[in-house]
Protein backbone atom coordinates (compact mmCIF):
# COMPACT_ATOMS: atom_id res chain seq x y z
CA UNK A 1 -33.57 -9.34 7.05
CA UNK A 2 -36.66 -11.55 6.66
CA UNK A 3 -36.21 -11.76 2.87
CA UNK A 4 -32.50 -12.46 3.07
CA UNK A 5 -31.59 -15.80 1.51
CA UNK A 6 -29.42 -17.65 4.00
CA UNK A 7 -27.39 -20.69 2.97
CA UNK A 8 -25.06 -22.99 4.85
CA UNK A 9 -21.86 -24.13 3.20
CA UNK A 10 -18.24 -24.89 3.97
CA UNK A 11 -15.74 -22.06 4.05
CA UNK A 12 -13.46 -23.94 1.67
CA UNK A 13 -16.19 -23.84 -1.02
CA UNK A 14 -15.61 -20.10 -1.48
CA UNK A 15 -12.59 -20.38 -3.83
CA UNK A 16 -14.43 -22.47 -6.42
CA UNK A 17 -17.52 -20.27 -6.05
CA UNK A 18 -15.50 -17.11 -6.71
CA UNK A 19 -13.90 -18.71 -9.76
CA UNK A 20 -17.25 -19.81 -11.20
CA UNK A 21 -18.76 -16.36 -10.61
CA UNK A 22 -15.93 -14.87 -12.69
CA UNK A 23 -16.44 -17.40 -15.47
CA UNK A 24 -13.46 -19.65 -14.68
CA UNK A 25 -13.74 -23.41 -14.26
CA UNK A 26 -12.16 -24.54 -10.97
CA UNK A 27 -9.51 -27.28 -11.14
CA UNK A 28 -11.26 -30.65 -10.99
CA UNK A 29 -10.56 -32.75 -7.92
CA UNK A 30 -8.22 -30.18 -6.36
CA UNK A 31 -10.52 -27.98 -4.26
CA UNK A 32 -14.06 -28.44 -2.90
CA UNK A 33 -16.99 -27.79 -5.22
CA UNK A 34 -18.64 -24.39 -5.60
CA UNK A 35 -22.01 -23.32 -4.16
CA UNK A 36 -24.25 -23.72 -7.19
CA UNK A 37 -27.17 -21.63 -5.93
CA UNK A 38 -24.89 -18.60 -5.51
CA UNK A 39 -23.43 -19.07 -8.99
CA UNK A 40 -26.98 -19.26 -10.40
CA UNK A 41 -28.01 -16.12 -8.50
CA UNK A 42 -25.14 -13.97 -9.72
CA UNK A 43 -24.43 -15.21 -13.24
CA UNK A 44 -22.58 -12.85 -15.54
CA UNK A 45 -21.05 -10.46 -13.04
CA UNK A 46 -17.92 -8.67 -14.22
CA UNK A 47 -16.04 -8.05 -10.97
CA UNK A 48 -16.00 -9.01 -7.30
CA UNK A 49 -15.01 -6.74 -4.42
CA UNK A 50 -14.18 -8.67 -1.23
CA UNK A 51 -14.09 -6.89 2.14
CA UNK A 52 -12.70 -9.00 4.99
CA UNK A 53 -13.58 -7.79 8.50
CA UNK A 54 -11.91 -9.28 11.56
CA UNK A 55 -14.09 -10.06 14.60
CA UNK A 56 -17.27 -10.07 12.55
CA UNK A 57 -19.68 -12.99 12.25
CA UNK A 58 -23.34 -13.90 12.52
CA UNK A 59 -23.48 -12.71 16.13
CA UNK A 60 -21.97 -9.30 15.38
CA UNK A 61 -24.22 -8.78 12.37
CA UNK A 62 -27.39 -9.35 14.39
CA UNK A 63 -26.18 -7.74 17.63
CA UNK A 64 -24.57 -4.55 16.27
CA UNK A 65 -26.87 -4.19 13.23
CA UNK A 66 -24.65 -2.42 10.66
CA UNK A 67 -27.23 -0.59 8.58
CA UNK A 68 -25.88 -0.93 5.04
CA UNK A 69 -25.05 -4.62 5.33
CA UNK A 70 -28.44 -5.48 6.78
CA UNK A 71 -30.60 -3.40 4.44
CA UNK A 72 -28.69 -4.20 1.23
CA UNK A 73 -27.80 -7.88 1.62
CA UNK A 74 -29.39 -10.27 -0.85
CA UNK A 75 -27.79 -13.50 0.35
CA UNK A 76 -25.73 -14.63 3.30
CA UNK A 77 -23.54 -17.70 3.61
CA UNK A 78 -23.04 -19.26 7.03
CA UNK A 79 -19.53 -20.63 6.69
CA UNK A 80 -18.75 -23.90 8.43
CA UNK A 81 -15.10 -24.42 9.34
CA UNK A 82 -12.94 -26.12 11.96
CA UNK A 83 -10.90 -22.93 12.36
CA UNK A 84 -12.68 -19.56 12.01
CA UNK A 85 -9.68 -17.34 12.87
CA UNK A 86 -8.09 -14.91 10.42
CA UNK A 87 -5.01 -16.75 9.17
CA UNK A 88 -6.80 -20.09 8.98
CA UNK A 89 -9.63 -18.44 7.03
CA UNK A 90 -7.10 -16.99 4.60
CA UNK A 91 -5.43 -20.36 4.21
CA UNK A 92 -8.72 -22.10 3.43
CA UNK A 93 -9.77 -19.48 0.89
CA UNK A 94 -6.47 -19.11 -0.92
CA UNK A 95 -5.64 -22.82 -0.99
CA UNK A 96 -9.13 -24.33 -0.86
CA UNK A 97 -8.44 -26.09 2.45
CA UNK A 98 -5.82 -26.59 5.12
CA UNK A 99 -3.21 -28.07 2.77
CA UNK A 100 -0.53 -25.82 1.33
CA UNK A 101 -0.90 -25.32 -2.44
CA UNK A 102 -2.67 -28.62 -3.18
CA UNK A 103 -1.57 -29.57 -6.69
CA UNK A 104 -0.21 -26.04 -7.07
CA UNK A 105 -3.55 -24.28 -6.45
CA UNK A 106 -3.66 -20.72 -5.13
CA UNK A 107 -6.85 -18.72 -5.74
CA UNK A 108 -5.32 -15.38 -6.76
CA UNK A 109 -2.59 -16.96 -8.87
CA UNK A 110 -5.16 -19.22 -10.55
CA UNK A 111 -7.27 -16.18 -11.40
CA UNK A 112 -4.24 -14.38 -12.86
CA UNK A 113 -3.27 -17.44 -14.91
CA UNK A 114 -6.76 -17.49 -16.41
CA UNK A 115 -6.79 -13.89 -17.58
CA UNK A 116 -8.31 -12.11 -14.58
CA UNK A 117 -6.59 -9.30 -12.70
CA UNK A 118 -6.62 -9.28 -8.91
CA UNK A 119 -5.43 -6.88 -6.24
CA UNK A 120 -4.88 -7.55 -2.53
CA UNK A 121 -4.81 -4.67 -0.02
CA UNK A 122 -3.94 -5.46 3.59
CA UNK A 123 -1.27 -6.03 6.21
CA UNK A 124 2.24 -6.53 4.83
CA UNK A 125 2.81 -9.86 6.62
CA UNK A 126 -0.48 -11.24 5.30
CA UNK A 127 0.34 -10.17 1.76
CA UNK A 128 3.75 -11.83 1.91
CA UNK A 129 2.14 -15.05 3.06
CA UNK A 130 -0.99 -15.18 0.96
CA UNK A 131 -0.87 -12.94 -2.15
CA UNK A 132 0.36 -15.74 -4.44
CA UNK A 133 2.31 -13.26 -6.54
CA UNK A 134 -0.71 -11.13 -7.45
CA UNK A 135 -0.60 -7.33 -7.30
CA UNK A 136 -0.58 -6.43 -3.60
CA UNK A 137 -0.56 -3.11 -1.74
CA UNK A 138 0.51 -3.13 1.92
CA UNK A 139 -1.39 -0.78 4.24
CA UNK A 140 -0.96 -0.34 7.98
CA UNK A 141 -4.37 1.07 8.94
CA UNK A 142 -7.98 0.56 7.93
CA UNK A 143 -8.28 4.19 6.85
CA UNK A 144 -5.37 3.71 4.43
CA UNK A 145 -6.95 0.49 3.17
CA UNK A 146 -10.27 2.23 2.57
CA UNK A 147 -8.64 5.11 0.70
CA UNK A 148 -6.81 2.58 -1.49
CA UNK A 149 -9.99 0.58 -2.07
CA UNK A 150 -11.51 3.50 -3.98
CA UNK A 151 -8.65 3.26 -6.46
CA UNK A 152 -8.83 -0.49 -7.10
CA UNK A 153 -12.41 -1.75 -6.85
CA UNK A 154 -13.31 -0.95 -10.46
CA UNK A 155 -9.93 -1.75 -12.01
CA UNK A 156 -9.63 -5.44 -11.14
CA UNK A 157 -11.88 -8.44 -11.65
CA UNK A 158 -11.17 -9.31 -8.00
CA UNK A 159 -10.22 -6.68 -5.43
CA UNK A 160 -9.54 -7.83 -1.88
CA UNK A 161 -9.47 -5.46 1.12
CA UNK A 162 -8.81 -6.50 4.72
CA UNK A 163 -10.03 -4.40 7.66
CA UNK A 164 -8.08 -5.38 10.77
CA UNK A 165 -7.64 -2.31 13.01
CA UNK A 166 -9.13 -4.18 15.97
CA UNK A 167 -5.92 -6.03 16.80
CA UNK A 168 -3.72 -2.95 17.30
CA UNK A 169 -6.43 -0.74 18.81
CA UNK A 170 -7.39 -3.44 21.30
CA UNK A 171 -3.77 -3.75 22.48
CA UNK A 172 -3.48 0.02 22.87
CA UNK A 173 -6.72 0.32 24.79
CA UNK A 174 -5.92 -2.65 27.00
CA UNK A 175 -2.67 -0.93 28.01
CA UNK A 176 -4.56 2.31 28.75
CA UNK A 177 -7.48 0.43 30.35
CA UNK A 178 -9.89 2.20 28.03
CA UNK A 179 -12.84 0.96 25.95
CA UNK A 180 -13.93 -2.68 26.35
CA UNK A 181 -13.35 -5.04 23.39
CA UNK A 182 -17.13 -5.25 22.93
CA UNK A 183 -17.38 -1.47 22.56
CA UNK A 184 -14.41 -1.41 20.19
CA UNK A 185 -15.90 -4.15 18.00
CA UNK A 186 -19.17 -2.20 17.82
CA UNK A 187 -17.41 1.03 16.85
CA UNK A 188 -15.27 -0.60 14.16
CA UNK A 189 -18.12 -2.59 12.60
CA UNK A 190 -20.37 0.47 12.31
CA UNK A 191 -17.48 2.56 10.96
CA UNK A 192 -16.53 -0.06 8.38
CA UNK A 193 -20.18 -0.44 7.37
CA UNK A 194 -20.21 3.24 6.35
CA UNK A 195 -16.96 2.84 4.43
CA UNK A 196 -18.27 -0.19 2.54
CA UNK A 197 -21.41 1.79 1.66
CA UNK A 198 -19.08 4.38 0.13
CA UNK A 199 -17.40 1.65 -1.90
CA UNK A 200 -20.75 0.33 -3.05
CA UNK A 201 -21.75 3.76 -4.37
CA UNK A 202 -18.49 3.90 -6.35
CA UNK A 203 -18.74 0.39 -7.78
CA UNK A 204 -19.70 0.05 -11.41
CA UNK A 205 -22.86 -1.86 -12.23
CA UNK A 206 -22.70 -5.61 -12.66
CA UNK A 207 -20.37 -5.95 -9.68
CA UNK A 208 -20.68 -8.24 -6.66
CA UNK A 209 -19.59 -7.16 -3.21
CA UNK A 210 -18.71 -9.90 -0.71
CA UNK A 211 -18.35 -8.94 2.96
CA UNK A 212 -16.50 -11.73 4.70
CA UNK A 213 -16.33 -11.93 8.48
CA UNK A 214 -13.96 -14.04 10.57
CA UNK A 215 -13.28 -14.45 14.31
CA UNK A 216 -10.15 -12.30 14.30
CA UNK A 217 -6.52 -13.16 14.98
CA UNK A 218 -7.00 -14.82 18.35
CA UNK A 219 -9.81 -15.88 20.66
CA UNK A 220 -10.95 -13.00 22.86
CA UNK A 221 -12.05 -12.96 26.47
CA UNK A 222 -15.27 -11.01 26.07
CA UNK A 223 -17.55 -9.83 28.85
CA UNK A 224 -20.89 -10.90 27.41
CA UNK A 225 -22.96 -12.95 29.86
CA UNK A 226 -25.93 -15.31 29.89
CA UNK A 227 -27.70 -16.04 26.60
CA UNK A 228 -25.74 -13.34 24.76
CA UNK A 229 -22.47 -15.07 25.68
CA UNK A 230 -23.83 -18.42 24.45
CA UNK A 231 -25.03 -16.77 21.27
CA UNK A 232 -21.59 -15.23 20.67
CA UNK A 233 -19.88 -18.57 21.35
CA UNK A 234 -22.03 -20.27 18.71
CA UNK A 235 -21.40 -17.59 16.08
CA UNK A 236 -19.92 -18.60 12.72
CA UNK A 237 -18.03 -16.70 10.01
CA UNK A 238 -20.28 -15.26 7.32
CA UNK A 239 -20.19 -13.99 3.77
CA UNK A 240 -22.72 -11.30 2.87
CA UNK A 241 -23.43 -10.85 -0.83
CA UNK A 242 -24.61 -7.59 -2.39
CA UNK A 243 -24.91 -7.10 -6.16
CA UNK A 244 -24.87 -3.76 -7.89
């Protein structure tokens, strides 16, 4: 990862950055400005495939070492935010901040209004809250989401997939007193890394894949200790960028 370009920015700069990458001017004065260096790096791409992974950040990337993400990444954004948890992350990306539809802005709806097709695959409750009227496909498991992803990634200018099995599996395994949350996170990250590699192989050229990690639905009581625990506590959400 020594050649990986790492940039710090605010999470709420992602909406304008996505718009600029797809050739759309963001609404002036409504949402925070885009990250210019990323726009310069990926000028002229035709489509973006976003993969959101719960319980995945800078710590998990470096600790669990998912092979495809590490070896293929060209740039990584360290995303500064006051609230790194799933629903707050969605709110900041879709609305450009913590306000609700500032001046009518919603990322997916804005894309659709400017001639770009988008598709959102994820949990039904999340789609109802955040799809903004765009084409959405509810799926109850990550496997179902991955299968659907193969159908949509090349047919929309923006495809959005959310991998969130951790929440349900963690509850099940807590009840059965099986697998620690740390082990489960490791298993799911490495599994999803292989799935995303499969998506990358299917993507048409001139596409940009964004792997977006957040801190999950709720704060977890993890069993890391010492420096590793401090490292995990200081972790931030990330966006990994891979162009094909």
